Amino acid sequence: MKCVNRTLFALAAAGVCLAVAGCKGKTKAASAEAEKPVVIIGYAKGSLCLAPLHIGYIDGFFDKEFKEAGIPYKMEEVDLNQSAELLAAGKINACVGLTASLIQPIDNGLDITFTTGLHTGCTKYFSRADSKIYSPSDLRGKKIGVSGLSDSATLNIKRKLEDVGIKSSGPDAEVTFVVYALTDLGLALSNGAIDAAGIHDPVAYKAQQQYGFRTILDTGTDDKFKGEYCCTAYVTTKLAKERPDAAAAYTRAIQKAAAYIQALPGEAAKEQYDSGFCAGDLATNAQLLASYNYSPSVSGGRKTFVSASGELQKTGDLKADTDVTKFVAEHFTVLPGVPESVTYDPASKTFSSKKI
């Protein structure tokens, strides 16, 4: 794992500080700060959806919020497919994830809590242009390619299929889900191995450009999903309960990063690209970031969690005996000091917050 340590250090050596009036007290404060447990933020490269993590680091939003709170932190590069194990082992304390993808792991014991919604729309569903599949209603009896059975692309299309009366789970399921690596889904759809595919950007965009697929559902524009926060910030439940000031510092910083992206998607894409956090075509990256709604929202994130949890219980993807109200209360935390939403004004280079 590649680690970028932003932990705060003492301002000067003790011998020098003792010679300066008033420096002794500052040294003690800095030492006390350094003794506090470090908050470890997990991140990965290569994903546009993780832009708030990248921008939060690049533009110093994490630095500012954690410094003002007097809390040390560091960024740690991780494999997000192993996030459950990393969280359980205490290797990371905070990260960003696809809301629906995390619901089953939480139901199975992953002890995290969401703290704010970050952005909407980043998943598309395609059929071949020569097929007779024009919408999810045409998927009965079809094979749908996905990158994982618990991936958000799978769970969200199940929710949509439930709306149009198509069974997606159990022995009487009317669709079949077939798992491929995310980057192989376009080829599988093109050669007829599957009838439709659910793909996340930027892979989705590239696949559509390469093969000329028909879009049958876009979570960024579909009436059901366009207001939902596909990506949400989260922390360990332990951090939220025992160190709410640390959880709040992380959440405020990532809200500011998201608001910055919303206001300046082109600049954010360039910063990601220039800093090596996301490769690909810069113009395409900027276009995709601009197509999502990166206005962060606590209430919007919670509303998405409520809707997805309730509907996934109906599809059989959330345990039947799970109390959804209690489930949401335990795994979505409204933290003291965290605003409902944040906006950024590029002209004045200032942030504005809306209180909860």
Protein backbone atom coordinates (compact mmCIF):
# COMPACT_ATOMS: atom_id res chain seq x y z
CA MET A 1 0.00 0.00 0.00
CA LYS A 2 1.26 3.47 -0.79
CA CYS A 3 0.89 5.82 2.12
CA VAL A 4 0.86 9.64 2.08
CA ASN A 5 1.23 10.84 5.71
CA ARG A 6 -0.27 14.20 6.57
CA THR A 7 0.08 13.84 10.32
CA LEU A 8 0.80 17.13 12.07
CA PHE A 9 4.17 17.42 13.79
CA ALA A 10 5.54 19.64 16.55
CA LEU A 11 6.37 23.12 15.27
CA ALA A 12 9.99 23.09 16.43
CA ALA A 13 12.46 21.13 18.49
CA ALA A 14 11.78 21.30 22.21
CA GLY A 15 15.09 23.01 22.99
CA VAL A 16 14.35 25.88 20.64
CA CYS A 17 10.74 26.23 21.75
CA LEU A 18 11.67 26.50 25.41
CA ALA A 19 13.75 29.55 24.55
CA VAL A 20 10.80 31.36 23.01
CA ALA A 21 8.14 32.99 25.18
CA GLY A 22 4.83 31.19 24.94
CA CYS A 23 6.24 28.36 22.81
CA LYS A 24 6.16 25.83 25.60
CA GLY A 25 2.38 25.80 25.65
CA LYS A 26 2.23 25.41 21.87
CA THR A 27 4.68 22.51 22.02
CA LYS A 28 2.55 20.74 24.59
CA ALA A 29 -0.54 21.26 22.40
CA ALA A 30 1.26 19.92 19.33
CA SER A 31 2.55 16.94 21.29
CA ALA A 32 -0.93 16.17 22.58
CA GLU A 33 -2.22 16.39 19.03
CA ALA A 34 0.45 14.03 17.76
CA GLU A 35 -0.54 11.51 20.44
CA LYS A 36 -4.11 11.32 19.15
CA PRO A 37 -4.87 8.25 17.00
CA VAL A 38 -4.40 8.92 13.31
CA VAL A 39 -7.51 8.85 11.12
CA ILE A 40 -6.71 6.72 8.07
CA ILE A 41 -8.58 7.59 4.87
CA GLY A 42 -8.60 4.87 2.23
CA TYR A 43 -8.34 5.83 -1.42
CA ALA A 44 -7.64 4.25 -4.78
CA LYS A 45 -6.48 5.60 -8.11
CA GLY A 46 -8.13 5.29 -11.49
CA SER A 47 -11.77 6.02 -10.64
CA LEU A 48 -13.60 9.23 -11.49
CA CYS A 49 -16.14 8.44 -8.79
CA LEU A 50 -13.42 8.82 -6.16
CA ALA A 51 -12.78 12.40 -7.25
CA PRO A 52 -13.85 13.84 -3.84
CA LEU A 53 -11.14 11.80 -2.13
CA HIS A 54 -8.56 12.91 -4.67
CA ILE A 55 -9.55 16.59 -4.66
CA GLY A 56 -9.87 16.58 -0.87
CA TYR A 57 -6.21 15.63 -0.70
CA ILE A 58 -4.85 17.63 -3.66
CA ASP A 59 -6.51 20.92 -2.69
CA GLY A 60 -5.86 20.59 1.04
CA PHE A 61 -9.44 20.26 2.26
CA PHE A 62 -8.47 17.33 4.48
CA ASP A 63 -5.42 19.24 5.71
CA LYS A 64 -7.51 22.24 6.71
CA GLU A 65 -10.37 20.43 8.45
CA PHE A 66 -8.18 18.00 10.36
CA LYS A 67 -5.72 20.72 11.38
CA GLU A 68 -8.51 22.93 12.70
CA ALA A 69 -9.89 19.96 14.64
CA GLY A 70 -6.41 19.16 15.99
CA ILE A 71 -6.51 15.62 14.63
CA PRO A 72 -3.77 13.83 12.65
CA TYR A 73 -4.71 11.91 9.51
CA LYS A 74 -3.15 10.13 6.59
CA MET A 75 -4.19 8.88 3.17
CA GLU A 76 -3.60 5.21 2.43
CA GLU A 77 -3.86 3.65 -1.02
CA VAL A 78 -5.87 0.44 -0.82
CA ASP A 79 -7.73 -2.13 -2.88
CA LEU A 80 -11.34 -1.07 -2.35
CA ASN A 81 -12.51 -4.61 -3.13
CA GLN A 82 -11.00 -5.51 0.23
CA SER A 83 -12.52 -2.57 2.10
CA ALA A 84 -14.52 -4.79 4.48
CA GLU A 85 -11.40 -6.64 5.62
CA LEU A 86 -9.40 -3.40 5.87
CA LEU A 87 -12.08 -1.72 7.95
CA ALA A 88 -12.48 -4.73 10.23
CA ALA A 89 -8.72 -4.84 10.77
CA GLY A 90 -8.55 -1.12 11.51
CA LYS A 91 -6.37 -0.46 8.46
CA ILE A 92 -8.67 2.36 7.35
CA ASN A 93 -11.29 4.43 9.18
CA ALA A 94 -12.97 6.32 6.35
CA CYS A 95 -13.61 6.03 2.64
CA VAL A 96 -16.15 6.48 -0.16
CA GLY A 97 -18.29 3.77 -1.71
CA LEU A 98 -21.23 2.97 -3.96
CA THR A 99 -24.25 3.11 -1.66
CA ALA A 100 -26.06 0.03 -2.96
CA SER A 101 -22.86 -2.05 -3.12
CA LEU A 102 -22.34 -1.58 0.61
CA ILE A 103 -25.84 -2.49 1.79
CA GLN A 104 -25.38 -6.26 1.75
CA PRO A 105 -21.95 -6.13 3.48
CA ILE A 106 -23.47 -3.89 6.17
CA ASP A 107 -26.38 -6.32 6.57
CA ASN A 108 -23.80 -9.09 7.00
CA GLY A 109 -21.89 -7.26 9.71
CA LEU A 110 -19.70 -4.57 8.07
CA ASP A 111 -19.68 -1.97 10.85
CA ILE A 112 -19.70 1.33 8.98
CA THR A 113 -21.97 4.33 8.92
CA PHE A 114 -22.67 6.70 6.03
CA THR A 115 -22.28 10.42 6.75
CA THR A 116 -23.14 12.33 3.54
CA GLY A 117 -24.17 11.76 -0.05
CA LEU A 118 -21.55 12.94 -2.55
CA HIS A 119 -22.87 12.65 -6.09
CA THR A 120 -25.55 11.18 -8.32
CA GLY A 121 -25.36 9.19 -11.55
CA CYS A 122 -22.38 7.14 -12.76
CA THR A 123 -23.85 3.85 -13.97
CA LYS A 124 -25.41 3.02 -17.32
CA TYR A 125 -27.20 -0.03 -18.72
CA PHE A 126 -26.81 -0.96 -22.37
CA SER A 127 -28.18 -3.29 -25.01
CA ARG A 128 -26.87 -3.77 -28.54
CA ALA A 129 -28.19 -1.30 -31.10
CA ASP A 130 -29.57 -4.18 -33.20
CA SER A 131 -31.49 -5.76 -30.33
CA LYS A 132 -35.15 -5.40 -29.37
CA ILE A 133 -34.27 -4.27 -25.86
CA TYR A 134 -35.15 -0.61 -25.44
CA SER A 135 -35.83 -0.37 -21.70
CA PRO A 136 -35.68 -2.48 -18.52
CA SER A 137 -39.21 -3.68 -19.30
CA ASP A 138 -37.75 -5.67 -22.21
CA LEU A 139 -35.34 -7.65 -20.03
CA ARG A 140 -37.62 -10.54 -19.06
CA GLY A 141 -35.87 -13.81 -19.93
CA LYS A 142 -32.59 -12.05 -20.73
CA LYS A 143 -28.98 -12.34 -19.54
CA ILE A 144 -27.64 -9.22 -17.84
CA GLY A 145 -23.88 -8.79 -17.50
CA VAL A 146 -22.60 -7.23 -14.28
CA SER A 147 -19.25 -6.94 -12.50
CA GLY A 148 -20.50 -8.60 -9.31
CA LEU A 149 -23.71 -9.99 -7.85
CA SER A 150 -23.59 -7.52 -4.96
CA ASP A 151 -22.39 -4.61 -7.10
CA SER A 152 -24.57 -1.50 -7.16
CA ALA A 153 -25.23 -1.97 -10.90
CA THR A 154 -26.81 -5.34 -10.10
CA LEU A 155 -28.80 -4.20 -7.09
CA ASN A 156 -30.13 -1.04 -8.73
CA ILE A 157 -31.35 -2.83 -11.85
CA LYS A 158 -33.07 -5.32 -9.54
CA ARG A 159 -34.89 -2.41 -7.93
CA LYS A 160 -35.92 -1.13 -11.36
CA LEU A 161 -37.03 -4.56 -12.54
CA GLU A 162 -39.19 -4.88 -9.43
CA ASP A 163 -40.91 -1.63 -10.44
CA VAL A 164 -41.79 -3.00 -13.89
CA GLY A 165 -42.99 -6.35 -12.57
CA ILE A 166 -40.00 -8.56 -13.46
CA LYS A 167 -38.71 -10.99 -10.82
CA SER A 168 -34.96 -10.71 -10.44
CA SER A 169 -34.21 -13.04 -7.50
CA GLY A 170 -35.03 -16.50 -6.24
CA PRO A 171 -35.97 -19.73 -8.02
CA ASP A 172 -38.59 -18.00 -10.16
CA ALA A 173 -36.30 -15.17 -11.30
CA GLU A 174 -37.09 -13.97 -14.81
CA VAL A 175 -33.59 -12.66 -15.58
CA THR A 176 -30.12 -14.17 -15.29
CA PHE A 177 -27.14 -12.23 -14.02
CA VAL A 178 -23.76 -13.14 -15.49
CA VAL A 179 -20.54 -11.88 -13.90
CA TYR A 180 -17.65 -10.50 -15.96
CA ALA A 181 -14.74 -8.24 -15.14
CA LEU A 182 -15.91 -4.65 -15.49
CA THR A 183 -13.65 -3.99 -18.46
CA ASP A 184 -14.87 -7.14 -20.25
CA LEU A 185 -18.58 -6.32 -20.13
CA GLY A 186 -18.55 -4.28 -23.33
CA LEU A 187 -16.99 -7.10 -25.35
CA ALA A 188 -19.34 -9.68 -23.83
CA LEU A 189 -22.35 -7.59 -24.84
CA SER A 190 -20.94 -6.90 -28.28
CA ASN A 191 -20.37 -10.59 -29.10
CA GLY A 192 -23.80 -11.68 -27.83
CA ALA A 193 -22.71 -13.56 -24.71
CA ILE A 194 -25.16 -11.36 -22.77
CA ASP A 195 -28.24 -9.36 -23.76
CA ALA A 196 -27.61 -6.27 -21.63
CA ALA A 197 -24.92 -4.92 -19.33
CA GLY A 198 -24.70 -2.63 -16.31
CA ILE A 199 -21.42 -0.70 -16.42
CA HIS A 200 -19.90 2.09 -14.33
CA ASP A 201 -18.18 5.12 -15.84
CA PRO A 202 -15.66 5.78 -17.26
CA VAL A 203 -15.73 2.18 -18.59
CA ALA A 204 -19.38 2.65 -19.56
CA TYR A 205 -18.65 5.73 -21.64
CA LYS A 206 -15.74 4.04 -23.42
CA ALA A 207 -17.79 0.91 -24.16
CA GLN A 208 -20.62 2.91 -25.64
CA GLN A 209 -18.25 4.91 -27.82
CA GLN A 210 -16.49 1.77 -29.03
CA TYR A 211 -19.51 -0.44 -29.73
CA GLY A 212 -22.36 2.00 -30.29
CA PHE A 213 -24.58 0.48 -27.60
CA ARG A 214 -28.13 1.63 -26.93
CA THR A 215 -28.64 3.12 -23.46
CA ILE A 216 -31.66 1.50 -21.81
CA LEU A 217 -31.16 3.16 -18.41
CA ASP A 218 -28.89 5.93 -17.16
CA THR A 219 -28.89 6.47 -13.40
CA GLY A 220 -28.03 10.12 -13.97
CA THR A 221 -31.24 10.84 -15.90
CA ASP A 222 -33.72 8.08 -14.99
CA ASP A 223 -36.66 9.36 -12.92
CA LYS A 224 -36.08 6.73 -10.25
CA PHE A 225 -32.36 7.26 -9.78
CA LYS A 226 -31.47 10.79 -10.88
CA GLY A 227 -32.00 12.18 -7.37
CA GLU A 228 -30.23 9.32 -5.62
CA TYR A 229 -26.67 9.54 -4.34
CA CYS A 230 -24.86 6.62 -5.90
CA CYS A 231 -21.65 7.42 -4.01
CA THR A 232 -21.58 8.17 -0.29
CA ALA A 233 -18.92 8.98 2.28
CA TYR A 234 -18.62 6.61 5.22
CA VAL A 235 -16.62 6.03 8.39
CA THR A 236 -16.39 3.16 10.83
CA THR A 237 -19.17 3.13 13.39
CA LYS A 238 -16.48 3.13 16.06
CA LEU A 239 -15.02 6.40 14.73
CA ALA A 240 -18.46 8.04 14.54
CA LYS A 241 -19.34 7.04 18.11
CA GLU A 242 -16.02 7.47 19.89
CA ARG A 243 -14.47 10.31 17.87
CA PRO A 244 -17.34 12.24 16.24
CA ASP A 245 -15.07 15.27 15.84
CA ALA A 246 -12.76 13.22 13.62
CA ALA A 247 -15.65 11.77 11.61
CA ALA A 248 -17.07 15.28 11.20
CA ALA A 249 -13.73 16.71 10.03
CA TYR A 250 -13.51 14.02 7.34
CA THR A 251 -17.11 14.61 6.26
CA ARG A 252 -16.80 18.39 6.05
CA ALA A 253 -13.63 18.10 4.00
CA ILE A 254 -15.10 15.66 1.51
CA GLN A 255 -18.26 17.76 1.20
CA LYS A 256 -16.08 20.73 0.24
CA ALA A 257 -14.22 18.59 -2.29
CA ALA A 258 -17.51 17.50 -3.87
CA ALA A 259 -18.79 21.09 -3.98
CA TYR A 260 -15.56 22.16 -5.67
CA ILE A 261 -16.01 19.45 -8.32
CA GLN A 262 -19.60 20.54 -8.90
CA ALA A 263 -18.49 24.12 -9.51
CA LEU A 264 -15.31 23.36 -11.48
CA PRO A 265 -15.54 19.88 -13.04
CA GLY A 266 -12.99 20.65 -15.73
CA GLU A 267 -10.44 21.95 -13.25
CA ALA A 268 -11.09 18.99 -10.93
CA ALA A 269 -10.56 16.53 -13.78
CA LYS A 270 -7.28 18.24 -14.67
CA GLU A 271 -6.10 18.10 -11.07
CA GLN A 272 -6.91 14.39 -10.90
CA TYR A 273 -5.12 13.78 -14.17
CA ASP A 274 -2.05 15.90 -13.47
CA SER A 275 -1.61 14.38 -10.02
CA GLY A 276 -1.78 10.82 -11.35
CA PHE A 277 -5.02 9.89 -9.58
CA CYS A 278 -6.99 9.21 -12.76
CA ALA A 279 -5.67 8.45 -16.24
CA GLY A 280 -7.63 8.32 -19.51
CA ASP A 281 -8.67 11.17 -21.77
CA LEU A 282 -8.78 14.48 -19.89
CA ALA A 283 -11.60 15.96 -21.98
CA THR A 284 -13.72 12.85 -21.47
CA ASN A 285 -13.04 12.84 -17.74
CA ALA A 286 -14.10 16.48 -17.49
CA GLN A 287 -17.24 15.79 -19.50
CA LEU A 288 -18.21 12.88 -17.26
CA LEU A 289 -17.60 14.77 -14.02
CA ALA A 290 -19.75 17.60 -15.36
CA SER A 291 -22.57 15.15 -16.13
CA TYR A 292 -22.95 14.09 -12.50
CA ASN A 293 -24.49 16.15 -9.71
CA TYR A 294 -21.70 16.62 -7.16
CA SER A 295 -23.76 18.76 -4.79
CA PRO A 296 -23.20 16.96 -1.46
CA SER A 297 -26.19 16.34 0.78
CA VAL A 298 -26.68 14.64 4.13
CA SER A 299 -30.46 14.32 3.72
CA GLY A 300 -30.06 13.19 0.11
CA GLY A 301 -27.61 10.49 1.11
CA ARG A 302 -29.89 9.29 3.88
CA LYS A 303 -32.95 9.28 1.61
CA THR A 304 -31.08 7.13 -0.91
CA PHE A 305 -30.05 4.70 1.82
CA VAL A 306 -33.64 4.43 3.06
CA SER A 307 -35.08 3.82 -0.41
CA ALA A 308 -32.43 1.32 -1.49
CA SER A 309 -32.59 -0.65 1.77
CA GLY A 310 -36.36 -0.96 1.73
CA GLU A 311 -36.53 -1.98 -1.91
CA LEU A 312 -33.66 -4.46 -1.65
CA GLN A 313 -35.46 -6.20 1.17
CA LYS A 314 -38.35 -6.73 -1.25
CA THR A 315 -36.01 -8.26 -3.83
CA GLY A 316 -34.51 -10.56 -1.21
CA ASP A 317 -31.11 -8.84 -1.17
CA LEU A 318 -31.54 -7.53 2.37
CA LYS A 319 -32.40 -10.08 5.06
CA ALA A 320 -36.13 -10.48 5.62
CA ASP A 321 -35.77 -10.10 9.39
CA THR A 322 -33.71 -6.90 9.18
CA ASP A 323 -35.54 -3.96 10.73
CA VAL A 324 -34.98 -1.36 8.01
CA THR A 325 -35.73 1.61 10.27
CA LYS A 326 -33.19 0.42 12.84
CA PHE A 327 -30.77 -0.55 10.06
CA VAL A 328 -30.77 3.00 8.67
CA ALA A 329 -30.57 4.59 12.13
CA GLU A 330 -27.50 2.53 12.98
CA HIS A 331 -25.72 3.00 9.67
CA PHE A 332 -26.38 6.60 8.71
CA THR A 333 -25.08 9.17 11.17
CA VAL A 334 -25.85 12.89 11.18
CA LEU A 335 -22.72 14.29 12.80
CA PRO A 336 -22.56 17.46 14.91
CA GLY A 337 -20.83 20.25 13.01
CA VAL A 338 -21.52 18.78 9.57
CA PRO A 339 -23.73 20.93 7.30
CA GLU A 340 -26.61 19.61 5.24
CA SER A 341 -24.89 20.75 2.05
CA VAL A 342 -22.03 22.88 0.76
CA THR A 343 -21.60 25.02 -2.37
CA TYR A 344 -18.48 26.63 -3.82
CA ASP A 345 -18.24 30.02 -5.53
CA PRO A 346 -15.24 30.06 -7.93
CA ALA A 347 -15.36 33.86 -8.27
CA SER A 348 -14.82 34.53 -4.58
CA LYS A 349 -13.17 31.17 -3.89
CA THR A 350 -15.41 30.67 -0.87
CA PHE A 351 -17.70 27.93 0.41
CA SER A 352 -21.24 28.39 1.68
CA SER A 353 -22.95 25.89 3.94
CA LYS A 354 -26.60 25.08 4.55
CA LYS A 355 -27.37 23.95 8.06
CA ILE A 356 -29.22 20.72 8.78
